Amino acid sequence: MAGPIADGGKASVELREDGFLHLRWQRGAHIQVEDAHAAMAKVNEVCRQEHHPMLVDMAAVGSVSREARGVWSIPCGASRIALLGKSPVDRVLANFFLGVHVPPCPTRFFTSRSEALDWLGVDG
């Protein structure tokens, strides 16, 4: 994983030179509420009171607890969020989150990195 590691070691957050945040979850991670809070704290630390579009690489995440999904409804340093996944399970996780929770900013699921970056308005 590149970028500063969130407490608990399940995610890294990088503010890239082209202006977007890249949150990467560890392959096979079972994300609990503490992990979600740690990742969002790292996002806010990296943003330093600014807002940036954020790409969340959630491909091959093992599971996400109900409580962890709730954390992602809290506003953070992201101005837009593109959820990037690869599998039908990733899509189900993202659609469940988007159907049950109100995201703090515009949020969409993608299986194409280039389409996600286009939607975020950054060059990839």
C-alpha atoms as a PDB file:
ATOM      1  CA  MET A   1       0.000   0.000   0.000  1.00  0.00           C
ATOM      2  CA  ALA A   2       1.225   3.504  -0.820  1.00  0.00           C
ATOM      3  CA  GLY A   3       0.653   6.615   1.246  1.00  0.00           C
ATOM      4  CA  PRO A   4       0.226   7.054   4.996  1.00  0.00           C
ATOM      5  CA  ILE A   5      -1.318   4.004   6.670  1.00  0.00           C
ATOM      6  CA  ALA A   6      -4.434   4.472   8.806  1.00  0.00           C
ATOM      7  CA  ASP A   7      -4.358   3.175  12.385  1.00  0.00           C
ATOM      8  CA  GLY A   8      -5.050  -0.545  12.300  1.00  0.00           C
ATOM      9  CA  GLY A   9      -3.147  -0.982   9.034  1.00  0.00           C
ATOM     10  CA  LYS A  10      -6.099  -1.874   6.807  1.00  0.00           C
ATOM     11  CA  ALA A  11      -6.065   1.259   4.619  1.00  0.00           C
ATOM     12  CA  SER A  12      -3.682   3.786   3.122  1.00  0.00           C
ATOM     13  CA  VAL A  13      -4.506   7.341   2.076  1.00  0.00           C
ATOM     14  CA  GLU A  14      -2.515   9.349  -0.440  1.00  0.00           C
ATOM     15  CA  LEU A  15      -3.090  12.897  -1.702  1.00  0.00           C
ATOM     16  CA  ARG A  16      -1.764  12.605  -5.220  1.00  0.00           C
ATOM     17  CA  GLU A  17       0.001  15.358  -7.136  1.00  0.00           C
ATOM     18  CA  ASP A  18      -2.891  15.491  -9.601  1.00  0.00           C
ATOM     19  CA  GLY A  19      -5.190  16.601  -6.764  1.00  0.00           C
ATOM     20  CA  PHE A  20      -7.221  13.576  -5.737  1.00  0.00           C
ATOM     21  CA  LEU A  21      -7.196  11.439  -2.641  1.00  0.00           C
ATOM     22  CA  HIS A  22      -6.623   7.732  -3.113  1.00  0.00           C
ATOM     23  CA  LEU A  23      -7.911   5.515  -0.312  1.00  0.00           C
ATOM     24  CA  ARG A  24      -6.845   1.884  -0.712  1.00  0.00           C
ATOM     25  CA  TRP A  25      -8.248  -0.887   1.428  1.00  0.00           C
ATOM     26  CA  GLN A  26      -6.077  -3.923   2.038  1.00  0.00           C
ATOM     27  CA  ARG A  27      -7.018  -7.006   0.001  1.00  0.00           C
ATOM     28  CA  GLY A  28      -9.307  -9.281   2.015  1.00  0.00           C
ATOM     29  CA  ALA A  29      -9.754  -6.716   4.814  1.00  0.00           C
ATOM     30  CA  HIS A  30     -12.693  -7.200   7.159  1.00  0.00           C
ATOM     31  CA  ILE A  31     -13.562  -3.588   7.875  1.00  0.00           C
ATOM     32  CA  GLN A  32     -14.946  -2.828  11.326  1.00  0.00           C
ATOM     33  CA  VAL A  33     -16.142   0.511  12.708  1.00  0.00           C
ATOM     34  CA  GLU A  34     -12.689   1.236  14.173  1.00  0.00           C
ATOM     35  CA  ASP A  35     -11.098   0.723  10.746  1.00  0.00           C
ATOM     36  CA  ALA A  36     -13.588   3.064   9.077  1.00  0.00           C
ATOM     37  CA  HIS A  37     -12.993   5.764  11.717  1.00  0.00           C
ATOM     38  CA  ALA A  38      -9.205   5.358  11.344  1.00  0.00           C
ATOM     39  CA  ALA A  39      -9.398   5.684   7.544  1.00  0.00           C
ATOM     40  CA  MET A  40     -11.600   8.791   7.735  1.00  0.00           C
ATOM     41  CA  ALA A  41      -9.296  10.347  10.349  1.00  0.00           C
ATOM     42  CA  LYS A  42      -6.353   9.764   7.996  1.00  0.00           C
ATOM     43  CA  VAL A  43      -8.332  11.322   5.090  1.00  0.00           C
ATOM     44  CA  ASN A  44      -9.022  14.433   7.190  1.00  0.00           C
ATOM     45  CA  GLU A  45      -5.399  14.600   8.361  1.00  0.00           C
ATOM     46  CA  VAL A  46      -4.086  14.402   4.784  1.00  0.00           C
ATOM     47  CA  CYS A  47      -6.627  16.993   3.525  1.00  0.00           C
ATOM     48  CA  ARG A  48      -5.709  19.613   6.136  1.00  0.00           C
ATOM     49  CA  GLN A  49      -9.082  21.397   6.057  1.00  0.00           C
ATOM     50  CA  GLU A  50      -9.314  21.301   2.239  1.00  0.00           C
ATOM     51  CA  HIS A  51     -11.686  19.170   0.179  1.00  0.00           C
ATOM     52  CA  HIS A  52     -10.516  16.889  -2.618  1.00  0.00           C
ATOM     53  CA  PRO A  53     -12.179  14.313  -4.877  1.00  0.00           C
ATOM     54  CA  MET A  54     -11.501  10.816  -3.563  1.00  0.00           C
ATOM     55  CA  LEU A  55     -11.069   7.457  -5.261  1.00  0.00           C
ATOM     56  CA  VAL A  56     -11.792   4.569  -2.873  1.00  0.00           C
ATOM     57  CA  ASP A  57     -10.284   1.303  -4.063  1.00  0.00           C
ATOM     58  CA  MET A  58     -12.515  -1.293  -2.463  1.00  0.00           C
ATOM     59  CA  ALA A  59     -11.709  -4.184  -4.806  1.00  0.00           C
ATOM     60  CA  ALA A  60     -11.428  -7.492  -2.989  1.00  0.00           C
ATOM     61  CA  VAL A  61     -12.454  -6.164   0.435  1.00  0.00           C
ATOM     62  CA  GLY A  62     -13.514  -9.159   2.525  1.00  0.00           C
ATOM     63  CA  SER A  63     -16.442  -7.565   4.346  1.00  0.00           C
ATOM     64  CA  VAL A  64     -17.726  -4.305   5.796  1.00  0.00           C
ATOM     65  CA  SER A  65     -19.671  -4.210   9.065  1.00  0.00           C
ATOM     66  CA  ARG A  66     -22.968  -2.349   9.293  1.00  0.00           C
ATOM     67  CA  GLU A  67     -21.433   0.041  11.828  1.00  0.00           C
ATOM     68  CA  ALA A  68     -18.478   0.765   9.506  1.00  0.00           C
ATOM     69  CA  ARG A  69     -20.844   1.628   6.647  1.00  0.00           C
ATOM     70  CA  GLY A  70     -22.506   4.184   8.923  1.00  0.00           C
ATOM     71  CA  VAL A  71     -19.190   5.989   9.451  1.00  0.00           C
ATOM     72  CA  TRP A  72     -19.020   6.756   5.734  1.00  0.00           C
ATOM     73  CA  SER A  73     -22.119   8.952   6.028  1.00  0.00           C
ATOM     74  CA  ILE A  74     -20.129  11.455   8.120  1.00  0.00           C
ATOM     75  CA  PRO A  75     -18.680  14.409   6.162  1.00  0.00           C
ATOM     76  CA  CYS A  76     -14.909  14.294   5.654  1.00  0.00           C
ATOM     77  CA  GLY A  77     -12.260  15.900   3.443  1.00  0.00           C
ATOM     78  CA  ALA A  78     -13.752  14.421   0.260  1.00  0.00           C
ATOM     79  CA  SER A  79     -15.687  16.626  -2.160  1.00  0.00           C
ATOM     80  CA  ARG A  80     -16.793  13.660  -4.346  1.00  0.00           C
ATOM     81  CA  ILE A  81     -16.280   9.946  -3.856  1.00  0.00           C
ATOM     82  CA  ALA A  82     -15.784   7.338  -6.569  1.00  0.00           C
ATOM     83  CA  LEU A  83     -16.002   3.781  -5.229  1.00  0.00           C
ATOM     84  CA  LEU A  84     -13.856   1.505  -7.389  1.00  0.00           C
ATOM     85  CA  GLY A  85     -14.514  -2.221  -7.342  1.00  0.00           C
ATOM     86  CA  LYS A  86     -14.131  -5.201  -9.630  1.00  0.00           C
ATOM     87  CA  SER A  87     -16.445  -7.972  -8.544  1.00  0.00           C
ATOM     88  CA  PRO A  88     -20.191  -8.428  -8.207  1.00  0.00           C
ATOM     89  CA  VAL A  89     -19.610  -8.536  -4.436  1.00  0.00           C
ATOM     90  CA  ASP A  90     -17.986  -5.075  -4.588  1.00  0.00           C
ATOM     91  CA  ARG A  91     -21.014  -3.776  -6.488  1.00  0.00           C
ATOM     92  CA  VAL A  92     -23.420  -5.281  -3.947  1.00  0.00           C
ATOM     93  CA  LEU A  93     -21.487  -3.710  -1.049  1.00  0.00           C
ATOM     94  CA  ALA A  94     -21.470  -0.305  -2.749  1.00  0.00           C
ATOM     95  CA  ASN A  95     -25.121  -0.434  -3.798  1.00  0.00           C
ATOM     96  CA  PHE A  96     -26.173  -1.529  -0.327  1.00  0.00           C
ATOM     97  CA  PHE A  97     -24.289   1.404   1.200  1.00  0.00           C
ATOM     98  CA  LEU A  98     -25.712   3.884  -1.315  1.00  0.00           C
ATOM     99  CA  GLY A  99     -29.237   2.518  -0.861  1.00  0.00           C
ATOM    100  CA  VAL A 100     -29.245   2.622   2.937  1.00  0.00           C
ATOM    101  CA  HIS A 101     -27.042   5.627   3.781  1.00  0.00           C
ATOM    102  CA  VAL A 102     -26.946   9.199   2.562  1.00  0.00           C
ATOM    103  CA  PRO A 103     -23.342   9.899   1.511  1.00  0.00           C
ATOM    104  CA  PRO A 104     -21.871  13.228   2.655  1.00  0.00           C
ATOM    105  CA  CYS A 105     -21.079  14.236  -0.943  1.00  0.00           C
ATOM    106  CA  PRO A 106     -21.791  12.942  -4.482  1.00  0.00           C
ATOM    107  CA  THR A 107     -20.804   9.254  -4.536  1.00  0.00           C
ATOM    108  CA  ARG A 108     -20.885   6.628  -7.307  1.00  0.00           C
ATOM    109  CA  PHE A 109     -19.632   3.092  -7.903  1.00  0.00           C
ATOM    110  CA  PHE A 110     -17.363   2.238 -10.852  1.00  0.00           C
ATOM    111  CA  THR A 111     -15.598  -0.832 -12.188  1.00  0.00           C
ATOM    112  CA  SER A 112     -13.404   1.266 -14.504  1.00  0.00           C
ATOM    113  CA  ARG A 113     -10.639   3.376 -12.955  1.00  0.00           C
ATOM    114  CA  SER A 114     -10.558   5.746 -15.956  1.00  0.00           C
ATOM    115  CA  GLU A 115     -14.328   6.318 -15.772  1.00  0.00           C
ATOM    116  CA  ALA A 116     -14.091   6.929 -12.026  1.00  0.00           C
ATOM    117  CA  LEU A 117     -11.296   9.464 -12.490  1.00  0.00           C
ATOM    118  CA  ASP A 118     -13.212  11.190 -15.313  1.00  0.00           C
ATOM    119  CA  TRP A 119     -16.246  11.492 -13.023  1.00  0.00           C
ATOM    120  CA  LEU A 120     -14.032  12.896 -10.270  1.00  0.00           C
ATOM    121  CA  GLY A 121     -12.718  15.462 -12.737  1.00  0.00           C
ATOM    122  CA  VAL A 122      -9.048  14.495 -12.511  1.00  0.00           C
ATOM    123  CA  ASP A 123      -6.528  13.222 -15.022  1.00  0.00           C
ATOM    124  CA  GLY A 124      -5.503   9.675 -14.303  1.00  0.00           C
END
